[in-house]
Amino acid sequence: MPTPAARAAHEALFPSHSSTLARTDPELVEIFDDFAFEDVLAQSDLDARLRLITQLAALIGAGALAEYRVMLGAALTVGVSPVEVKEVVYQAVPYVGMGRAYDFVHATNDVLTERGVPVPLPGQSTTTRETRDAAGRAVQEQIVGADVVAALHANAPADTLHIQQWLSEHCFGDHYTRTGLDVPTRELVTLALLVGLGGVDAQVRGHVAANRHVGNDRALLVDVVTQLVPFVGYPRTLNALAAIDDIAPAPTDR
């Protein structure tokens, strides 16, 4: 049986929920719950809402649809709003593609509908086809720096310049400019998505730097990545921590 602390944390996320795995695989559930809901939580200063938001993002990246549905219920229980949940899913689209995001959009709609939340939700877009380029470029410069954006466009080969243009107007203009989540939270979501996705170490490094650029410090990044360990495993989280160590080194004792 999980420890009292683990049981209490589990009950707060899943009130009155009876796990089928607890009946079929009690040893695994005990090990996982003690780790995820006592050991890992004890290392965190995150509020429950931000913890669940970033865990949902990582589960999308990992393609873990069934666990996403379970943790979505927990997220709504601790006060993550339906709009915030939808924005996590929408933020995922330019990073994992609609091929992976499609099932998560439908799962989110199903869970919201089961809880009596009408869909579609109020729109969060702030740009149009005419304004997305300038607005996207502005938020991209805020996140990675104007010099970096200028260099990306200037140095792109002529036959791939359209990709840089799409990054500015689609990834940043259509998505990062939306309301529902602020830019620092979107960058944490993006980092968690990429950690969950795996195999994208260069992009993880880029978004560690971007997180630092928008004010998310090392302690916050380490905390977020720590909270992903139970859901995406050690290799992906260790790679993310290596990127954090390179870009935002721990202070040395003198």
C-alpha atoms as a PDB file:
ATOM      1  CA  MET A   1       0.000   0.000   0.000  1.00  0.00           C
ATOM      2  CA  PRO A   2       1.335   3.507  -0.827  1.00  0.00           C
ATOM      3  CA  THR A   3       2.552   5.692   2.031  1.00  0.00           C
ATOM      4  CA  PRO A   4       0.062   7.964   3.827  1.00  0.00           C
ATOM      5  CA  ALA A   5       1.583  11.031   2.130  1.00  0.00           C
ATOM      6  CA  ALA A   6       1.309   9.432  -1.304  1.00  0.00           C
ATOM      7  CA  ARG A   7      -2.287   8.360  -0.646  1.00  0.00           C
ATOM      8  CA  ALA A   8      -3.222  11.869   0.484  1.00  0.00           C
ATOM      9  CA  ALA A   9      -1.655  13.482  -2.586  1.00  0.00           C
ATOM     10  CA  HIS A  10      -3.315  10.924  -4.859  1.00  0.00           C
ATOM     11  CA  GLU A  11      -6.707  11.530  -3.258  1.00  0.00           C
ATOM     12  CA  ALA A  12      -6.319  15.297  -3.763  1.00  0.00           C
ATOM     13  CA  LEU A  13      -5.798  14.731  -7.493  1.00  0.00           C
ATOM     14  CA  PHE A  14      -8.239  11.841  -7.968  1.00  0.00           C
ATOM     15  CA  PRO A  15     -10.913  12.093  -5.285  1.00  0.00           C
ATOM     16  CA  SER A  16     -12.837   8.853  -4.783  1.00  0.00           C
ATOM     17  CA  HIS A  17     -11.167   7.270  -7.816  1.00  0.00           C
ATOM     18  CA  SER A  18     -10.688   3.509  -7.751  1.00  0.00           C
ATOM     19  CA  SER A  19      -7.699   2.461  -9.858  1.00  0.00           C
ATOM     20  CA  THR A  20      -8.046  -0.726 -11.895  1.00  0.00           C
ATOM     21  CA  LEU A  21      -4.245  -1.052 -11.835  1.00  0.00           C
ATOM     22  CA  ALA A  22      -4.329  -1.074  -8.038  1.00  0.00           C
ATOM     23  CA  ARG A  23      -6.301  -4.324  -8.322  1.00  0.00           C
ATOM     24  CA  THR A  24      -4.302  -5.959 -11.120  1.00  0.00           C
ATOM     25  CA  ASP A  25      -0.803  -4.542 -10.445  1.00  0.00           C
ATOM     26  CA  PRO A  26      -0.717  -3.451  -6.804  1.00  0.00           C
ATOM     27  CA  GLU A  27       3.071  -3.596  -6.474  1.00  0.00           C
ATOM     28  CA  LEU A  28       3.619  -1.336  -9.487  1.00  0.00           C
ATOM     29  CA  VAL A  29       1.022   1.146  -8.258  1.00  0.00           C
ATOM     30  CA  GLU A  30       2.620   1.243  -4.823  1.00  0.00           C
ATOM     31  CA  ILE A  31       6.077   1.907  -6.282  1.00  0.00           C
ATOM     32  CA  PHE A  32       4.790   4.534  -8.718  1.00  0.00           C
ATOM     33  CA  ASP A  33       2.545   6.352  -6.257  1.00  0.00           C
ATOM     34  CA  ASP A  34       5.211   6.498  -3.555  1.00  0.00           C
ATOM     35  CA  PHE A  35       7.657   7.906  -6.085  1.00  0.00           C
ATOM     36  CA  ALA A  36       5.392  10.293  -8.028  1.00  0.00           C
ATOM     37  CA  PHE A  37       3.224  11.505  -5.168  1.00  0.00           C
ATOM     38  CA  GLU A  38       5.701  11.577  -2.289  1.00  0.00           C
ATOM     39  CA  ASP A  39       9.347  11.548  -3.408  1.00  0.00           C
ATOM     40  CA  VAL A  40       8.911  13.765  -6.459  1.00  0.00           C
ATOM     41  CA  LEU A  41       6.364  16.117  -4.913  1.00  0.00           C
ATOM     42  CA  ALA A  42       8.672  16.641  -1.929  1.00  0.00           C
ATOM     43  CA  GLN A  43      11.249  18.134  -4.331  1.00  0.00           C
ATOM     44  CA  SER A  44       8.854  20.696  -5.784  1.00  0.00           C
ATOM     45  CA  ASP A  45       8.015  24.310  -5.086  1.00  0.00           C
ATOM     46  CA  LEU A  46       5.598  24.459  -8.034  1.00  0.00           C
ATOM     47  CA  ASP A  47       1.964  25.167  -7.372  1.00  0.00           C
ATOM     48  CA  ALA A  48      -0.275  22.280  -8.368  1.00  0.00           C
ATOM     49  CA  ARG A  49      -1.710  24.103 -11.378  1.00  0.00           C
ATOM     50  CA  LEU A  50       1.642  24.773 -13.052  1.00  0.00           C
ATOM     51  CA  ARG A  51       2.836  21.270 -12.214  1.00  0.00           C
ATOM     52  CA  LEU A  52      -0.176  19.709 -13.921  1.00  0.00           C
ATOM     53  CA  ILE A  53      -0.009  22.076 -16.909  1.00  0.00           C
ATOM     54  CA  THR A  54       3.576  21.077 -17.664  1.00  0.00           C
ATOM     55  CA  GLN A  55       2.911  17.392 -17.024  1.00  0.00           C
ATOM     56  CA  LEU A  56       0.011  17.479 -19.497  1.00  0.00           C
ATOM     57  CA  ALA A  57       2.332  19.053 -22.065  1.00  0.00           C
ATOM     58  CA  ALA A  58       4.962  16.351 -21.565  1.00  0.00           C
ATOM     59  CA  LEU A  59       2.356  13.603 -21.916  1.00  0.00           C
ATOM     60  CA  ILE A  60       1.258  15.074 -25.251  1.00  0.00           C
ATOM     61  CA  GLY A  61       4.872  15.123 -26.374  1.00  0.00           C
ATOM     62  CA  ALA A  62       5.265  11.487 -25.313  1.00  0.00           C
ATOM     63  CA  GLY A  63       2.061  10.481 -27.109  1.00  0.00           C
ATOM     64  CA  ALA A  64       0.698   9.097 -23.820  1.00  0.00           C
ATOM     65  CA  LEU A  65      -3.006   9.533 -24.567  1.00  0.00           C
ATOM     66  CA  ALA A  66      -4.483   7.297 -21.845  1.00  0.00           C
ATOM     67  CA  GLU A  67      -2.347   8.816 -19.082  1.00  0.00           C
ATOM     68  CA  TYR A  68      -3.104  12.286 -20.456  1.00  0.00           C
ATOM     69  CA  ARG A  69      -6.821  11.678 -19.962  1.00  0.00           C
ATOM     70  CA  VAL A  70      -6.205  10.605 -16.366  1.00  0.00           C
ATOM     71  CA  MET A  71      -3.989  13.588 -15.573  1.00  0.00           C
ATOM     72  CA  LEU A  72      -6.361  15.976 -17.347  1.00  0.00           C
ATOM     73  CA  GLY A  73      -8.984  15.023 -14.794  1.00  0.00           C
ATOM     74  CA  ALA A  74      -6.472  15.788 -12.043  1.00  0.00           C
ATOM     75  CA  ALA A  75      -5.585  19.127 -13.655  1.00  0.00           C
ATOM     76  CA  LEU A  76      -9.216  20.214 -13.751  1.00  0.00           C
ATOM     77  CA  THR A  77      -9.648  19.062 -10.151  1.00  0.00           C
ATOM     78  CA  VAL A  78      -6.816  21.299  -8.889  1.00  0.00           C
ATOM     79  CA  GLY A  79      -8.106  24.358 -10.739  1.00  0.00           C
ATOM     80  CA  VAL A  80      -6.491  24.371 -14.175  1.00  0.00           C
ATOM     81  CA  SER A  81      -9.144  26.068 -16.294  1.00  0.00           C
ATOM     82  CA  PRO A  82     -10.639  24.559 -19.454  1.00  0.00           C
ATOM     83  CA  VAL A  83      -9.128  27.440 -21.440  1.00  0.00           C
ATOM     84  CA  GLU A  84      -5.669  26.743 -20.009  1.00  0.00           C
ATOM     85  CA  VAL A  85      -6.005  23.058 -20.868  1.00  0.00           C
ATOM     86  CA  LYS A  86      -7.033  23.833 -24.437  1.00  0.00           C
ATOM     87  CA  GLU A  87      -4.137  26.269 -24.798  1.00  0.00           C
ATOM     88  CA  VAL A  88      -1.679  23.557 -23.744  1.00  0.00           C
ATOM     89  CA  VAL A  89      -3.052  21.340 -26.524  1.00  0.00           C
ATOM     90  CA  TYR A  90      -3.058  24.152 -29.088  1.00  0.00           C
ATOM     91  CA  GLN A  91       0.501  25.105 -28.107  1.00  0.00           C
ATOM     92  CA  ALA A  92       1.530  21.527 -28.868  1.00  0.00           C
ATOM     93  CA  VAL A  93       0.396  21.583 -32.485  1.00  0.00           C
ATOM     94  CA  PRO A  94       3.373  23.394 -34.078  1.00  0.00           C
ATOM     95  CA  TYR A  95       5.799  21.230 -32.090  1.00  0.00           C
ATOM     96  CA  VAL A  96       4.338  17.726 -32.425  1.00  0.00           C
ATOM     97  CA  GLY A  97       2.159  18.257 -35.501  1.00  0.00           C
ATOM     98  CA  MET A  98      -1.539  17.657 -35.932  1.00  0.00           C
ATOM     99  CA  GLY A  99      -0.829  13.976 -36.535  1.00  0.00           C
ATOM    100  CA  ARG A 100      -0.012  13.549 -32.840  1.00  0.00           C
ATOM    101  CA  ALA A 101      -2.128  16.393 -31.436  1.00  0.00           C
ATOM    102  CA  TYR A 102      -5.383  15.304 -33.119  1.00  0.00           C
ATOM    103  CA  ASP A 103      -6.245  12.568 -30.613  1.00  0.00           C
ATOM    104  CA  PHE A 104      -5.418  14.874 -27.696  1.00  0.00           C
ATOM    105  CA  VAL A 105      -7.788  17.558 -28.995  1.00  0.00           C
ATOM    106  CA  HIS A 106     -10.590  15.001 -29.116  1.00  0.00           C
ATOM    107  CA  ALA A 107      -9.701  13.530 -25.717  1.00  0.00           C
ATOM    108  CA  THR A 108      -9.737  17.009 -24.188  1.00  0.00           C
ATOM    109  CA  ASN A 109     -13.137  17.750 -25.702  1.00  0.00           C
ATOM    110  CA  ASP A 110     -14.471  14.420 -24.397  1.00  0.00           C
ATOM    111  CA  VAL A 111     -13.264  15.051 -20.840  1.00  0.00           C
ATOM    112  CA  LEU A 112     -14.566  18.626 -20.823  1.00  0.00           C
ATOM    113  CA  THR A 113     -17.939  17.499 -22.147  1.00  0.00           C
ATOM    114  CA  GLU A 114     -18.131  14.745 -19.522  1.00  0.00           C
ATOM    115  CA  ARG A 115     -17.611  17.450 -16.896  1.00  0.00           C
ATOM    116  CA  GLY A 116     -20.360  19.649 -18.312  1.00  0.00           C
ATOM    117  CA  VAL A 117     -18.082  22.211 -19.993  1.00  0.00           C
ATOM    118  CA  PRO A 118     -19.565  23.306 -23.330  1.00  0.00           C
ATOM    119  CA  VAL A 119     -17.255  23.351 -26.335  1.00  0.00           C
ATOM    120  CA  PRO A 120     -16.108  25.244 -28.285  1.00  0.00           C
ATOM    121  CA  LEU A 121     -14.606  27.481 -25.636  1.00  0.00           C
ATOM    122  CA  PRO A 122     -14.313  31.251 -26.127  1.00  0.00           C
ATOM    123  CA  GLY A 123     -11.728  32.104 -28.773  1.00  0.00           C
ATOM    124  CA  GLN A 124      -8.251  33.154 -27.656  1.00  0.00           C
ATOM    125  CA  SER A 125      -6.732  34.327 -30.955  1.00  0.00           C
ATOM    126  CA  THR A 126      -5.391  37.889 -31.068  1.00  0.00           C
ATOM    127  CA  THR A 127      -4.080  37.964 -34.638  1.00  0.00           C
ATOM    128  CA  THR A 128      -5.434  37.822 -38.174  1.00  0.00           C
ATOM    129  CA  ARG A 129      -3.893  36.669 -41.437  1.00  0.00           C
ATOM    130  CA  GLU A 130      -2.856  40.284 -41.942  1.00  0.00           C
ATOM    131  CA  THR A 131      -1.305  40.865 -38.499  1.00  0.00           C
ATOM    132  CA  ARG A 132       0.193  37.462 -37.596  1.00  0.00           C
ATOM    133  CA  ASP A 133       3.557  38.112 -39.247  1.00  0.00           C
ATOM    134  CA  ALA A 134       4.375  41.335 -37.403  1.00  0.00           C
ATOM    135  CA  ALA A 135       2.868  40.140 -34.112  1.00  0.00           C
ATOM    136  CA  GLY A 136       4.619  36.792 -34.371  1.00  0.00           C
ATOM    137  CA  ARG A 137       7.953  38.364 -35.180  1.00  0.00           C
ATOM    138  CA  ALA A 138       7.577  40.652 -32.156  1.00  0.00           C
ATOM    139  CA  VAL A 139       6.887  37.822 -29.700  1.00  0.00           C
ATOM    140  CA  GLN A 140       9.607  35.675 -31.300  1.00  0.00           C
ATOM    141  CA  GLU A 141      12.083  38.511 -30.723  1.00  0.00           C
ATOM    142  CA  GLN A 142      10.868  38.813 -27.132  1.00  0.00           C
ATOM    143  CA  ILE A 143      11.537  35.123 -26.575  1.00  0.00           C
ATOM    144  CA  VAL A 144      14.821  34.488 -28.416  1.00  0.00           C
ATOM    145  CA  GLY A 145      16.140  37.971 -29.144  1.00  0.00           C
ATOM    146  CA  ALA A 146      15.871  40.280 -32.152  1.00  0.00           C
ATOM    147  CA  ASP A 147      19.419  39.532 -33.321  1.00  0.00           C
ATOM    148  CA  VAL A 148      18.747  35.793 -33.327  1.00  0.00           C
ATOM    149  CA  VAL A 149      15.538  36.168 -35.324  1.00  0.00           C
ATOM    150  CA  ALA A 150      17.215  38.472 -37.832  1.00  0.00           C
ATOM    151  CA  ALA A 151      20.060  35.985 -38.264  1.00  0.00           C
ATOM    152  CA  LEU A 152      17.674  33.064 -38.747  1.00  0.00           C
ATOM    153  CA  HIS A 153      15.976  34.880 -41.601  1.00  0.00           C
ATOM    154  CA  ALA A 154      19.152  36.343 -43.088  1.00  0.00           C
ATOM    155  CA  ASN A 155      21.132  33.098 -43.043  1.00  0.00           C
ATOM    156  CA  ALA A 156      18.422  30.739 -44.282  1.00  0.00           C
ATOM    157  CA  PRO A 157      19.033  29.325 -47.788  1.00  0.00           C
ATOM    158  CA  ALA A 158      16.619  30.745 -50.323  1.00  0.00           C
ATOM    159  CA  ASP A 159      14.862  27.413 -50.739  1.00  0.00           C
ATOM    160  CA  THR A 160      14.133  27.050 -46.993  1.00  0.00           C
ATOM    161  CA  LEU A 161      13.437  30.675 -46.088  1.00  0.00           C
ATOM    162  CA  HIS A 162       9.731  29.856 -46.084  1.00  0.00           C
ATOM    163  CA  ILE A 163      10.261  27.692 -42.973  1.00  0.00           C
ATOM    164  CA  GLN A 164      11.685  30.649 -41.054  1.00  0.00           C
ATOM    165  CA  GLN A 165       8.774  32.743 -42.269  1.00  0.00           C
ATOM    166  CA  TRP A 166       6.317  30.124 -41.032  1.00  0.00           C
ATOM    167  CA  LEU A 167       8.055  29.958 -37.662  1.00  0.00           C
ATOM    168  CA  SER A 168       7.489  33.688 -37.229  1.00  0.00           C
ATOM    169  CA  GLU A 169       3.934  33.932 -38.494  1.00  0.00           C
ATOM    170  CA  HIS A 170       2.519  30.489 -37.667  1.00  0.00           C
ATOM    171  CA  CYS A 171       4.363  29.082 -34.634  1.00  0.00           C
ATOM    172  CA  PHE A 172       4.737  32.458 -32.936  1.00  0.00           C
ATOM    173  CA  GLY A 173       2.088  34.574 -34.666  1.00  0.00           C
ATOM    174  CA  ASP A 174      -0.777  32.089 -34.550  1.00  0.00           C
ATOM    175  CA  HIS A 175       0.081  30.374 -31.259  1.00  0.00           C
ATOM    176  CA  TYR A 176       2.283  32.384 -28.880  1.00  0.00           C
ATOM    177  CA  THR A 177       0.122  35.486 -29.273  1.00  0.00           C
ATOM    178  CA  ARG A 178      -2.990  33.734 -27.994  1.00  0.00           C
ATOM    179  CA  THR A 179      -4.481  34.611 -24.629  1.00  0.00           C
ATOM    180  CA  GLY A 180      -5.192  31.962 -21.983  1.00  0.00           C
ATOM    181  CA  LEU A 181      -1.525  31.376 -21.089  1.00  0.00           C
ATOM    182  CA  ASP A 182       1.151  34.043 -20.756  1.00  0.00           C
ATOM    183  CA  VAL A 183       4.431  33.854 -22.664  1.00  0.00           C
ATOM    184  CA  PRO A 184       6.594  32.554 -19.765  1.00  0.00           C
ATOM    185  CA  THR A 185       4.082  29.759 -19.148  1.00  0.00           C
ATOM    186  CA  ARG A 186       3.947  28.944 -22.861  1.00  0.00           C
ATOM    187  CA  GLU A 187       7.719  28.577 -22.863  1.00  0.00           C
ATOM    188  CA  LEU A 188       7.533  26.152 -19.933  1.00  0.00           C
ATOM    189  CA  VAL A 189       4.828  24.243 -21.803  1.00  0.00           C
ATOM    190  CA  THR A 190       7.000  24.120 -24.921  1.00  0.00           C
ATOM    191  CA  LEU A 191       9.995  22.865 -22.956  1.00  0.00           C
ATOM    192  CA  ALA A 192       7.889  20.143 -21.329  1.00  0.00           C
ATOM    193  CA  LEU A 193       6.475  19.154 -24.726  1.00  0.00           C
ATOM    194  CA  LEU A 194       9.965  18.790 -26.170  1.00  0.00           C
ATOM    195  CA  VAL A 195      11.260  16.846 -23.176  1.00  0.00           C
ATOM    196  CA  GLY A 196       8.334  14.460 -23.530  1.00  0.00           C
ATOM    197  CA  LEU A 197       8.848  14.168 -27.280  1.00  0.00           C
ATOM    198  CA  GLY A 198      12.482  13.112 -26.931  1.00  0.00           C
ATOM    199  CA  GLY A 199      15.156  13.021 -29.617  1.00  0.00           C
ATOM    200  CA  VAL A 200      15.114  16.805 -30.015  1.00  0.00           C
ATOM    201  CA  ASP A 201      18.064  17.802 -27.850  1.00  0.00           C
ATOM    202  CA  ALA A 202      18.933  20.865 -29.943  1.00  0.00           C
ATOM    203  CA  GLN A 203      15.396  22.209 -29.596  1.00  0.00           C
ATOM    204  CA  VAL A 204      15.400  21.474 -25.849  1.00  0.00           C
ATOM    205  CA  ARG A 205      18.594  23.519 -25.538  1.00  0.00           C
ATOM    206  CA  GLY A 206      17.047  26.322 -27.577  1.00  0.00           C
ATOM    207  CA  HIS A 207      13.999  26.461 -25.357  1.00  0.00           C
ATOM    208  CA  VAL A 208      16.007  26.292 -22.153  1.00  0.00           C
ATOM    209  CA  ALA A 209      17.683  29.466 -23.420  1.00  0.00           C
ATOM    210  CA  ALA A 210      14.314  30.919 -24.441  1.00  0.00           C
ATOM    211  CA  ASN A 211      12.902  30.217 -20.984  1.00  0.00           C
ATOM    212  CA  ARG A 212      15.810  32.063 -19.422  1.00  0.00           C
ATOM    213  CA  HIS A 213      15.191  34.935 -21.838  1.00  0.00           C
ATOM    214  CA  VAL A 214      11.586  35.364 -20.641  1.00  0.00           C
ATOM    215  CA  GLY A 215      12.501  35.202 -16.947  1.00  0.00           C
ATOM    216  CA  ASN A 216      12.139  31.525 -16.024  1.00  0.00           C
ATOM    217  CA  ASP A 217      15.183  30.871 -13.840  1.00  0.00           C
ATOM    218  CA  ARG A 218      17.220  27.708 -13.325  1.00  0.00           C
ATOM    219  CA  ALA A 219      15.369  26.713 -10.161  1.00  0.00           C
ATOM    220  CA  LEU A 220      12.027  26.811 -11.964  1.00  0.00           C
ATOM    221  CA  LEU A 221      13.321  24.869 -14.965  1.00  0.00           C
ATOM    222  CA  VAL A 222      14.877  22.174 -12.766  1.00  0.00           C
ATOM    223  CA  ASP A 223      11.637  21.917 -10.793  1.00  0.00           C
ATOM    224  CA  VAL A 224       9.532  21.518 -13.936  1.00  0.00           C
ATOM    225  CA  VAL A 225      11.823  18.866 -15.404  1.00  0.00           C
ATOM    226  CA  THR A 226      11.961  17.040 -12.055  1.00  0.00           C
ATOM    227  CA  GLN A 227       8.167  16.768 -12.049  1.00  0.00           C
ATOM    228  CA  LEU A 228       8.277  15.056 -15.457  1.00  0.00           C
ATOM    229  CA  VAL A 229      10.460  12.121 -14.339  1.00  0.00           C
ATOM    230  CA  PRO A 230       7.584   9.787 -13.333  1.00  0.00           C
ATOM    231  CA  PHE A 231       5.762  10.359 -16.617  1.00  0.00           C
ATOM    232  CA  VAL A 232       8.482  10.436 -19.295  1.00  0.00           C
ATOM    233  CA  GLY A 233      11.338   8.571 -17.582  1.00  0.00           C
ATOM    234  CA  TYR A 234      14.958   9.260 -16.789  1.00  0.00           C
ATOM    235  CA  PRO A 235      16.714   9.451 -20.188  1.00  0.00           C
ATOM    236  CA  ARG A 236      14.630  12.354 -21.490  1.00  0.00           C
ATOM    237  CA  THR A 237      14.701  14.255 -18.227  1.00  0.00           C
ATOM    238  CA  LEU A 238      18.441  13.713 -17.772  1.00  0.00           C
ATOM    239  CA  ASN A 239      19.039  15.103 -21.269  1.00  0.00           C
ATOM    240  CA  ALA A 240      16.957  18.160 -20.349  1.00  0.00           C
ATOM    241  CA  LEU A 241      18.869  18.647 -17.097  1.00  0.00           C
ATOM    242  CA  ALA A 242      22.150  18.465 -19.037  1.00  0.00           C
ATOM    243  CA  ALA A 243      20.901  21.287 -21.260  1.00  0.00           C
ATOM    244  CA  ILE A 244      19.931  23.328 -18.202  1.00  0.00           C
ATOM    245  CA  ASP A 245      23.375  22.729 -16.668  1.00  0.00           C
ATOM    246  CA  ASP A 246      25.054  23.958 -19.856  1.00  0.00           C
ATOM    247  CA  ILE A 247      22.911  27.040 -20.370  1.00  0.00           C
ATOM    248  CA  ALA A 248      22.017  28.025 -16.800  1.00  0.00           C
ATOM    249  CA  PRO A 249      24.743  26.442 -14.613  1.00  0.00           C
ATOM    250  CA  ALA A 250      24.171  25.936 -10.929  1.00  0.00           C
ATOM    251  CA  PRO A 251      25.891  28.541  -8.765  1.00  0.00           C
ATOM    252  CA  THR A 252      29.158  27.283  -7.353  1.00  0.00           C
ATOM    253  CA  ASP A 253      29.938  27.444  -3.656  1.00  0.00           C
ATOM    254  CA  ARG A 254      32.930  29.582  -2.742  1.00  0.00           C
END
